[in-house]
Amino acid sequence: MRRRGLEVKKKILQILKENGEMSLGELERKTNTNNLTILNHIKELEFFEKVEIIKHKRSDKTGRPYTSIRLKIQDKHE
């Protein structure tokens, strides 16, 4: 059964709230959604200033570059 985009975005936000910063691969596995779909939803959430996309030069585990996502801290005075 295909999930709607809003359901996937809610799941992404919930996972980030519970786990903090995560790589795209981790989000892909936890949401059971493919990488391209996750990336599209993340870009939309970034546009609405809900998340930050962080590009790392190298992983401590693999030595390869990777991208992680974290919730954006909202200023309470906005």
N, C-alpha and C. Protein backbone atom coordinates (compact mmCIF):
# COMPACT_ATOMS: atom_id res chain seq x y z
N MET A 1 0.84 -1.18 0.00
CA MET A 1 0.00 0.00 0.00
C MET A 1 0.89 1.25 0.00
N ARG A 2 0.56 2.17 -0.83
CA ARG A 2 1.34 3.40 -0.96
C ARG A 2 0.93 4.40 0.13
N ARG A 3 1.94 5.00 0.77
CA ARG A 3 1.68 6.00 1.81
C ARG A 3 1.64 7.39 1.20
N ARG A 4 0.88 8.26 1.80
CA ARG A 4 0.82 9.64 1.33
C ARG A 4 2.04 10.40 1.84
N GLY A 5 2.39 11.48 1.11
CA GLY A 5 3.56 12.28 1.45
C GLY A 5 3.52 12.84 2.85
N LEU A 6 2.35 13.28 3.29
CA LEU A 6 2.22 13.85 4.63
C LEU A 6 2.56 12.82 5.70
N GLU A 7 2.14 11.58 5.48
CA GLU A 7 2.44 10.51 6.44
C GLU A 7 3.95 10.28 6.55
N VAL A 8 4.63 10.30 5.41
CA VAL A 8 6.08 10.09 5.39
C VAL A 8 6.79 11.25 6.10
N LYS A 9 6.37 12.47 5.82
CA LYS A 9 6.98 13.65 6.47
C LYS A 9 6.78 13.60 7.99
N LYS A 10 5.59 13.24 8.43
CA LYS A 10 5.32 13.13 9.87
C LYS A 10 6.23 12.07 10.50
N LYS A 11 6.40 10.95 9.80
CA LYS A 11 7.26 9.87 10.30
C LYS A 11 8.71 10.34 10.39
N ILE A 12 9.19 11.07 9.38
CA ILE A 12 10.55 11.60 9.39
C ILE A 12 10.75 12.51 10.60
N LEU A 13 9.82 13.44 10.81
CA LEU A 13 9.92 14.39 11.93
C LEU A 13 9.87 13.66 13.27
N GLN A 14 9.01 12.65 13.38
CA GLN A 14 8.90 11.88 14.63
C GLN A 14 10.22 11.14 14.92
N ILE A 15 10.78 10.52 13.90
CA ILE A 15 12.04 9.77 14.07
C ILE A 15 13.17 10.72 14.48
N LEU A 16 13.26 11.89 13.83
CA LEU A 16 14.31 12.85 14.17
C LEU A 16 14.12 13.38 15.59
N LYS A 17 12.88 13.58 16.01
CA LYS A 17 12.61 14.06 17.37
C LYS A 17 13.07 13.02 18.40
N GLU A 18 12.84 11.75 18.10
CA GLU A 18 13.20 10.68 19.03
C GLU A 18 14.69 10.35 19.03
N ASN A 19 15.34 10.49 17.87
CA ASN A 19 16.72 10.00 17.72
C ASN A 19 17.77 11.08 17.50
N GLY A 20 17.36 12.31 17.26
CA GLY A 20 18.33 13.36 16.98
C GLY A 20 18.82 13.27 15.54
N GLU A 21 20.03 13.74 15.30
CA GLU A 21 20.60 13.78 13.95
C GLU A 21 20.79 12.37 13.40
N MET A 22 20.40 12.18 12.13
CA MET A 22 20.51 10.87 11.50
C MET A 22 20.96 11.02 10.05
N SER A 23 21.61 9.99 9.53
CA SER A 23 22.01 10.00 8.13
C SER A 23 20.79 9.69 7.26
N LEU A 24 20.90 10.01 5.97
CA LEU A 24 19.81 9.69 5.04
C LEU A 24 19.55 8.19 5.01
N GLY A 25 20.62 7.40 5.05
CA GLY A 25 20.47 5.94 5.04
C GLY A 25 19.71 5.42 6.24
N GLU A 26 20.00 5.98 7.41
CA GLU A 26 19.28 5.56 8.62
C GLU A 26 17.80 5.92 8.51
N LEU A 27 17.51 7.13 8.02
CA LEU A 27 16.11 7.53 7.84
C LEU A 27 15.41 6.63 6.82
N GLU A 28 16.13 6.28 5.79
CA GLU A 28 15.57 5.39 4.77
C GLU A 28 15.15 4.07 5.39
N ARG A 29 16.01 3.49 6.21
CA ARG A 29 15.69 2.21 6.85
C ARG A 29 14.57 2.34 7.87
N LYS A 30 14.61 3.39 8.68
CA LYS A 30 13.60 3.54 9.75
C LYS A 30 12.20 3.86 9.21
N THR A 31 12.13 4.53 8.06
CA THR A 31 10.83 4.87 7.48
C THR A 31 10.37 3.85 6.43
N ASN A 32 11.26 2.90 6.09
CA ASN A 32 10.98 1.90 5.06
C ASN A 32 10.59 2.59 3.75
N THR A 33 11.38 3.60 3.38
CA THR A 33 11.14 4.41 2.19
C THR A 33 12.45 4.53 1.42
N ASN A 34 12.38 4.60 0.10
CA ASN A 34 13.62 4.65 -0.67
C ASN A 34 14.32 6.01 -0.54
N ASN A 35 15.61 6.02 -0.91
CA ASN A 35 16.47 7.17 -0.72
C ASN A 35 15.98 8.42 -1.45
N LEU A 36 15.53 8.28 -2.70
CA LEU A 36 15.07 9.42 -3.48
C LEU A 36 13.82 10.03 -2.85
N THR A 37 12.90 9.21 -2.38
CA THR A 37 11.68 9.70 -1.74
C THR A 37 12.02 10.44 -0.45
N ILE A 38 12.91 9.87 0.36
CA ILE A 38 13.34 10.53 1.59
C ILE A 38 13.96 11.89 1.29
N LEU A 39 14.85 11.92 0.29
CA LEU A 39 15.52 13.16 -0.07
C LEU A 39 14.53 14.23 -0.52
N ASN A 40 13.54 13.85 -1.31
CA ASN A 40 12.52 14.81 -1.75
C ASN A 40 11.73 15.37 -0.57
N HIS A 41 11.34 14.52 0.36
CA HIS A 41 10.60 14.98 1.55
C HIS A 41 11.48 15.85 2.44
N ILE A 42 12.74 15.49 2.57
CA ILE A 42 13.68 16.27 3.38
C ILE A 42 13.87 17.67 2.79
N LYS A 43 13.99 17.75 1.47
CA LYS A 43 14.15 19.06 0.82
C LYS A 43 12.93 19.94 1.06
N GLU A 44 11.75 19.35 1.03
CA GLU A 44 10.53 20.11 1.32
C GLU A 44 10.50 20.56 2.78
N LEU A 45 10.87 19.68 3.69
CA LEU A 45 10.91 20.04 5.11
C LEU A 45 11.96 21.12 5.37
N GLU A 46 13.07 21.08 4.61
CA GLU A 46 14.09 22.12 4.74
C GLU A 46 13.54 23.47 4.25
N PHE A 47 12.79 23.46 3.16
CA PHE A 47 12.20 24.68 2.63
C PHE A 47 11.30 25.35 3.68
N PHE A 48 10.56 24.55 4.42
CA PHE A 48 9.67 25.07 5.46
C PHE A 48 10.38 25.23 6.81
N GLU A 49 11.71 25.13 6.78
CA GLU A 49 12.57 25.36 7.94
C GLU A 49 12.25 24.46 9.14
N LYS A 50 11.95 23.19 8.83
CA LYS A 50 11.71 22.20 9.87
C LYS A 50 12.95 21.36 10.16
N VAL A 51 13.81 21.20 9.15
CA VAL A 51 15.02 20.40 9.30
C VAL A 51 16.21 21.11 8.68
N GLU A 52 17.41 20.67 9.08
CA GLU A 52 18.66 21.14 8.49
C GLU A 52 19.34 19.96 7.81
N ILE A 53 19.88 20.20 6.62
CA ILE A 53 20.64 19.19 5.90
C ILE A 53 22.12 19.52 6.11
N ILE A 54 22.87 18.55 6.61
CA ILE A 54 24.28 18.75 6.93
C ILE A 54 25.12 17.81 6.06
N LYS A 55 26.02 18.37 5.28
CA LYS A 55 26.90 17.56 4.44
C LYS A 55 28.24 17.40 5.15
N HIS A 56 28.62 16.15 5.41
CA HIS A 56 29.87 15.82 6.10
C HIS A 56 30.91 15.40 5.08
N LYS A 57 32.16 15.80 5.31
CA LYS A 57 33.24 15.45 4.39
C LYS A 57 33.61 13.97 4.44
N ARG A 58 33.57 13.39 5.65
CA ARG A 58 33.89 11.97 5.74
C ARG A 58 33.29 11.35 7.00
N SER A 59 32.91 10.10 6.88
CA SER A 59 32.38 9.33 7.99
C SER A 59 33.52 8.74 8.79
N ASP A 60 33.38 8.69 10.11
CA ASP A 60 34.39 8.04 10.95
C ASP A 60 34.44 6.53 10.66
N LYS A 61 33.30 5.95 10.30
CA LYS A 61 33.23 4.51 10.04
C LYS A 61 33.81 4.13 8.68
N THR A 62 33.38 4.85 7.63
CA THR A 62 33.74 4.43 6.28
C THR A 62 34.76 5.34 5.60
N GLY A 63 34.91 6.56 6.10
CA GLY A 63 35.81 7.51 5.47
C GLY A 63 35.21 8.20 4.25
N ARG A 64 33.94 7.91 3.97
CA ARG A 64 33.27 8.47 2.81
C ARG A 64 32.39 9.65 3.22
N PRO A 65 32.14 10.59 2.29
CA PRO A 65 31.23 11.69 2.58
C PRO A 65 29.81 11.18 2.80
N TYR A 66 29.04 11.88 3.61
CA TYR A 66 27.64 11.50 3.82
C TYR A 66 26.84 12.73 4.21
N THR A 67 25.54 12.58 4.18
CA THR A 67 24.61 13.66 4.52
C THR A 67 23.78 13.23 5.71
N SER A 68 23.63 14.13 6.68
CA SER A 68 22.76 13.84 7.81
C SER A 68 21.71 14.94 7.91
N ILE A 69 20.67 14.61 8.66
CA ILE A 69 19.52 15.50 8.83
C ILE A 69 19.25 15.65 10.31
N ARG A 70 18.89 16.88 10.72
CA ARG A 70 18.48 17.09 12.11
C ARG A 70 17.36 18.12 12.11
N LEU A 71 16.57 18.07 13.18
CA LEU A 71 15.51 19.05 13.35
C LEU A 71 16.12 20.43 13.51
N LYS A 72 15.49 21.40 12.93
CA LYS A 72 15.97 22.78 13.06
C LYS A 72 15.40 23.34 14.36
N ILE A 73 16.26 24.00 15.12
CA ILE A 73 15.84 24.60 16.38
C ILE A 73 15.03 25.84 16.06
N GLN A 74 13.81 25.86 16.54
CA GLN A 74 12.91 26.97 16.27
C GLN A 74 13.06 28.04 17.35
N ASP A 75 13.18 29.29 16.93
CA ASP A 75 13.25 30.42 17.85
C ASP A 75 11.83 30.70 18.35
N LYS A 76 11.64 30.68 19.63
CA LYS A 76 10.30 30.86 20.21
C LYS A 76 9.75 32.27 19.99
N HIS A 77 10.62 33.23 19.61
CA HIS A 77 10.19 34.62 19.43
C HIS A 77 9.80 34.93 17.99
N GLU A 78 9.84 33.95 17.11
CA GLU A 78 9.51 34.21 15.70
C GLU A 78 8.03 34.34 15.53
